[in-house]
Amino acid sequence: MKYSIDESVFDLNPDIKFGILIGKDMKISKTTKEDKERLEKAEKTLRENVDKKQIRELRNVSLYRNVMKEAGINPNKYPASIEAMFKRIIKGGNLPNINSLVDLCNAVSIENTLSLGGHDLDDIDDDLEVRFSKEGDKFLAFGSNEFEKVDGKELVFTSGNKVQTRKWVWRQSELGKVTLDSSNIFFQLVGFGNDSSLENAMNNIECLIEDRFGGSYQRYLVDINNPSISFEK
């Protein structure tokens, strides 16, 4: 299977980097006490160190917003998932417990201020690409049974013509949703330049794949100098 970044994406910011991990044969469980404690600790640390007014000033949040603006996406109306998550937490809310993998990915995302998406590979059939949308692209929203049309020239993450994530890092699809039955996961992490947050988050996910979920992984870095990879599904 192939994963690629269209060259137009790097016109928005040539320093965008995509960390890719392919987790195989993972054993996902319900959220344990330890999983919940790690997520709650990440939330508590965030509240103690970041004020609501500072969220948009955080390095990665600011860079996500800039890329979205360059792509014609209003980041106030369609905030990056990490920004929306931070606002909810700092206001005093807690993220819901979904399952062990989703909850721990949220913890890693908070700890590293990084956009991080997990997609069930067994629910994906076509090559993956980050590009601007085109005619025929469609999106299945969370909880929906009907596909919706995606407007042309929207920055998306796709599998063929099925959009996995709309408006770049805003909202994921029902397709590829990680459940207790999932075992093979495609992780996409988005960072910038030489900042350590991307490498740290990838290392965190590697440890979870092997130590928490008993799986194996393939690891890749995709950027302007290496815009496509091939991996075993």
Protein backbone atom coordinates (compact mmCIF):
# COMPACT_ATOMS: atom_id res chain seq x y z
CA MET A 1 0.00 0.00 0.00
CA LYS A 2 1.17 3.53 -0.75
CA TYR A 3 0.97 6.71 1.35
CA SER A 4 1.85 10.01 -0.30
CA ILE A 5 1.70 13.77 0.13
CA ASP A 6 0.75 15.87 -2.87
CA GLU A 7 3.38 18.51 -3.68
CA SER A 8 0.75 21.26 -3.27
CA VAL A 9 0.65 20.48 0.47
CA PHE A 10 4.29 21.49 0.87
CA ASP A 11 3.51 24.80 -0.85
CA LEU A 12 1.48 25.60 2.27
CA ASN A 13 4.49 24.98 4.52
CA PRO A 14 7.62 23.20 3.30
CA ASP A 15 8.50 22.18 6.87
CA ILE A 16 5.45 19.94 7.39
CA LYS A 17 6.47 16.43 8.44
CA PHE A 18 4.28 13.36 8.71
CA GLY A 19 5.25 10.62 11.12
CA ILE A 20 3.76 7.29 10.06
CA LEU A 21 3.56 4.14 12.17
CA ILE A 22 1.95 0.91 11.03
CA GLY A 23 0.91 -1.11 14.07
CA LYS A 24 0.31 -4.82 13.46
CA ASP A 25 -1.40 -7.55 15.50
CA MET A 26 -2.30 -5.25 18.36
CA LYS A 27 -4.57 -6.40 21.18
CA ILE A 28 -6.83 -3.49 22.07
CA SER A 29 -8.81 -3.67 25.29
CA LYS A 30 -11.24 -1.60 27.27
CA THR A 31 -9.65 1.30 29.11
CA THR A 32 -7.79 0.15 32.22
CA LYS A 33 -7.23 2.10 35.42
CA GLU A 34 -3.63 2.77 34.32
CA ASP A 35 -4.75 3.99 30.89
CA LYS A 36 -7.27 6.34 32.47
CA GLU A 37 -4.69 7.65 34.94
CA ARG A 38 -2.25 8.53 32.16
CA LEU A 39 -4.93 10.46 30.27
CA GLU A 40 -6.11 12.25 33.39
CA LYS A 41 -2.52 13.16 34.30
CA ALA A 42 -2.00 14.67 30.82
CA GLU A 43 -5.20 16.67 31.19
CA LYS A 44 -4.24 17.90 34.66
CA THR A 45 -0.76 18.93 33.52
CA LEU A 46 -2.25 20.85 30.61
CA ARG A 47 -4.65 22.77 32.87
CA GLU A 48 -1.81 23.65 35.23
CA ASN A 49 0.52 24.93 32.51
CA VAL A 50 -1.60 26.43 29.74
CA ASP A 51 -4.17 29.20 29.97
CA LYS A 52 -7.11 29.35 27.55
CA LYS A 53 -5.66 32.48 25.95
CA GLN A 54 -2.36 30.69 25.31
CA ILE A 55 -3.71 27.76 23.28
CA ARG A 56 -3.36 29.45 19.89
CA GLU A 57 0.17 30.57 20.81
CA LEU A 58 1.42 27.00 21.29
CA ARG A 59 3.93 26.24 18.54
CA ASN A 60 2.18 23.36 16.78
CA VAL A 61 -1.31 24.79 17.25
CA SER A 62 -0.16 28.06 15.70
CA LEU A 63 1.44 26.24 12.77
CA TYR A 64 -1.66 24.07 12.19
CA ARG A 65 -3.76 27.23 12.11
CA ASN A 66 -1.41 28.91 9.64
CA VAL A 67 -1.47 25.93 7.26
CA MET A 68 -5.26 25.77 7.46
CA LYS A 69 -5.52 29.47 6.61
CA GLU A 70 -3.18 28.99 3.65
CA ALA A 71 -5.39 26.09 2.52
CA GLY A 72 -8.53 28.21 2.70
CA ILE A 73 -9.85 26.61 5.90
CA ASN A 74 -11.16 28.83 8.69
CA PRO A 75 -9.41 27.48 11.83
CA ASN A 76 -11.89 29.27 14.08
CA LYS A 77 -14.83 27.41 12.52
CA TYR A 78 -12.91 24.17 11.92
CA PRO A 79 -10.19 24.03 14.59
CA ALA A 80 -7.50 21.38 14.46
CA SER A 81 -8.51 18.43 16.64
CA ILE A 82 -5.72 19.15 19.14
CA GLU A 83 -6.87 22.76 19.56
CA ALA A 84 -10.49 21.69 20.13
CA MET A 85 -9.29 19.06 22.60
CA PHE A 86 -7.21 21.59 24.54
CA LYS A 87 -10.11 24.06 24.78
CA ARG A 88 -12.37 21.38 26.19
CA ILE A 89 -9.82 20.27 28.78
CA ILE A 90 -8.80 23.75 29.91
CA LYS A 91 -12.45 24.68 30.38
CA GLY A 92 -12.58 21.86 32.92
CA GLY A 93 -13.95 19.05 30.80
CA ASN A 94 -12.49 15.56 30.57
CA LEU A 95 -12.17 13.53 27.42
CA PRO A 96 -14.47 10.49 27.35
CA ASN A 97 -12.98 7.03 27.74
CA ILE A 98 -13.40 5.20 24.41
CA ASN A 99 -10.99 2.29 24.54
CA SER A 100 -7.39 1.74 25.59
CA LEU A 101 -5.82 2.76 22.27
CA VAL A 102 -7.91 5.86 21.64
CA ASP A 103 -7.46 7.07 25.21
CA LEU A 104 -3.70 6.53 25.20
CA CYS A 105 -3.35 8.20 21.79
CA ASN A 106 -5.21 11.19 23.23
CA ALA A 107 -2.77 11.21 26.15
CA VAL A 108 0.23 11.17 23.79
CA SER A 109 -1.34 13.92 21.68
CA ILE A 110 -1.86 16.13 24.75
CA GLU A 111 1.60 15.42 26.16
CA ASN A 112 3.28 16.44 22.90
CA THR A 113 0.80 19.08 21.62
CA LEU A 114 0.55 17.16 18.39
CA SER A 115 -2.14 16.07 15.94
CA LEU A 116 -2.33 12.28 16.04
CA GLY A 117 -4.84 10.07 14.24
CA GLY A 118 -5.29 6.31 14.36
CA HIS A 119 -7.11 4.50 11.53
CA ASP A 120 -8.13 0.84 11.33
CA LEU A 121 -6.22 -0.54 8.34
CA ASP A 122 -8.68 -3.39 7.88
CA ASP A 123 -11.27 -0.76 6.99
CA ILE A 124 -9.05 0.83 4.33
CA ASP A 125 -8.71 -0.60 0.81
CA ASP A 126 -7.06 2.07 -1.34
CA ASP A 127 -3.80 3.99 -1.27
CA LEU A 128 -3.63 6.85 1.22
CA GLU A 129 -2.88 10.45 0.33
CA VAL A 130 -2.91 13.95 1.76
CA ARG A 131 -4.10 16.25 -1.02
CA PHE A 132 -6.76 18.71 -2.06
CA SER A 133 -10.14 17.12 -2.68
CA LYS A 134 -11.54 16.53 -6.13
CA GLU A 135 -14.84 15.60 -7.72
CA GLY A 136 -16.16 12.26 -6.46
CA ASP A 137 -14.59 12.47 -3.01
CA LYS A 138 -16.96 11.57 -0.18
CA PHE A 139 -16.95 11.44 3.62
CA LEU A 140 -18.76 9.28 6.16
CA ALA A 141 -19.19 11.29 9.35
CA PHE A 142 -19.00 9.68 12.80
CA GLY A 143 -22.23 7.84 13.57
CA SER A 144 -23.60 8.28 10.05
CA ASN A 145 -24.70 5.66 7.51
CA GLU A 146 -24.68 7.99 4.52
CA PHE A 147 -21.73 9.52 2.73
CA GLU A 148 -21.63 13.28 2.25
CA LYS A 149 -20.07 15.08 -0.69
CA VAL A 150 -16.80 16.88 -0.03
CA ASP A 151 -16.36 20.31 -1.55
CA GLY A 152 -13.68 20.68 -4.18
CA LYS A 153 -10.24 21.96 -3.23
CA GLU A 154 -10.48 21.05 0.46
CA LEU A 155 -7.30 19.80 2.13
CA VAL A 156 -8.05 16.20 3.11
CA PHE A 157 -6.52 12.85 4.03
CA THR A 158 -8.00 10.20 1.76
CA SER A 159 -8.09 6.52 0.89
CA GLY A 160 -8.92 6.60 -2.79
CA ASN A 161 -12.01 8.82 -3.00
CA LYS A 162 -13.06 8.10 0.59
CA VAL A 163 -11.97 10.92 2.87
CA GLN A 164 -10.50 9.74 6.16
CA THR A 165 -10.04 13.21 7.67
CA ARG A 166 -11.78 16.40 6.53
CA LYS A 167 -10.27 19.86 6.54
CA TRP A 168 -6.80 18.43 7.13
CA VAL A 169 -6.64 17.76 10.89
CA TRP A 170 -10.21 18.67 11.85
CA ARG A 171 -12.45 15.60 11.89
CA GLN A 172 -11.98 11.87 11.22
CA SER A 173 -14.39 9.55 9.42
CA GLU A 174 -16.49 6.67 10.69
CA LEU A 175 -14.44 4.62 8.23
CA GLY A 176 -11.30 3.42 9.93
CA LYS A 177 -12.67 4.05 13.43
CA VAL A 178 -10.62 2.21 16.04
CA THR A 179 -12.67 -0.27 18.09
CA LEU A 180 -12.01 -3.22 20.38
CA ASP A 181 -12.01 -5.43 17.28
CA SER A 182 -9.24 -3.44 15.58
CA SER A 183 -5.76 -4.94 15.47
CA ASN A 184 -3.91 -3.28 12.56
CA ILE A 185 -3.65 0.48 12.87
CA PHE A 186 -2.31 3.25 10.64
CA PHE A 187 -1.02 6.13 12.80
CA GLN A 188 -0.52 9.54 11.22
CA LEU A 189 1.24 12.24 13.27
CA VAL A 190 1.79 15.77 11.96
CA GLY A 191 4.69 17.97 13.03
CA PHE A 192 6.96 20.68 11.68
CA GLY A 193 10.67 21.14 11.12
CA ASN A 194 13.16 19.81 13.64
CA ASP A 195 10.94 20.25 16.69
CA SER A 196 11.27 17.27 19.03
CA SER A 197 7.53 16.81 19.62
CA LEU A 198 7.04 14.63 16.54
CA GLU A 199 9.90 12.25 17.34
CA ASN A 200 8.86 12.07 20.99
CA ALA A 201 5.26 11.25 20.09
CA MET A 202 6.35 8.60 17.59
CA ASN A 203 8.57 7.02 20.24
CA ASN A 204 5.62 7.05 22.65
CA ILE A 205 3.38 5.29 20.12
CA GLU A 206 6.09 2.72 19.36
CA CYS A 207 6.27 1.82 23.05
CA LEU A 208 2.50 1.50 23.26
CA ILE A 209 2.34 -0.75 20.20
CA GLU A 210 4.95 -3.13 21.58
CA ASP A 211 4.58 -2.93 25.35
CA ARG A 212 0.92 -2.09 25.90
CA PHE A 213 -0.67 -3.80 22.90
CA GLY A 214 1.76 -6.63 22.13
CA GLY A 215 2.14 -5.73 18.47
CA SER A 216 4.88 -4.88 16.00
CA TYR A 217 5.37 -1.79 13.87
CA GLN A 218 6.83 -0.18 10.77
CA ARG A 219 8.05 3.43 11.10
CA TYR A 220 8.39 6.13 8.42
CA LEU A 221 8.98 9.87 8.11
CA VAL A 222 7.36 11.61 5.16
CA ASP A 223 8.36 15.15 4.19
CA ILE A 224 9.19 17.38 1.23
CA ASN A 225 12.31 15.30 0.52
CA ASN A 226 10.52 11.99 0.86
CA PRO A 227 6.87 12.63 -0.11
CA SER A 228 5.73 9.00 -0.51
CA ILE A 229 6.25 5.59 1.04
CA SER A 230 5.10 2.03 0.44
CA PHE A 231 4.28 -0.29 3.31
CA GLU A 232 2.90 -3.73 3.92
CA LYS A 233 -0.71 -3.73 4.97
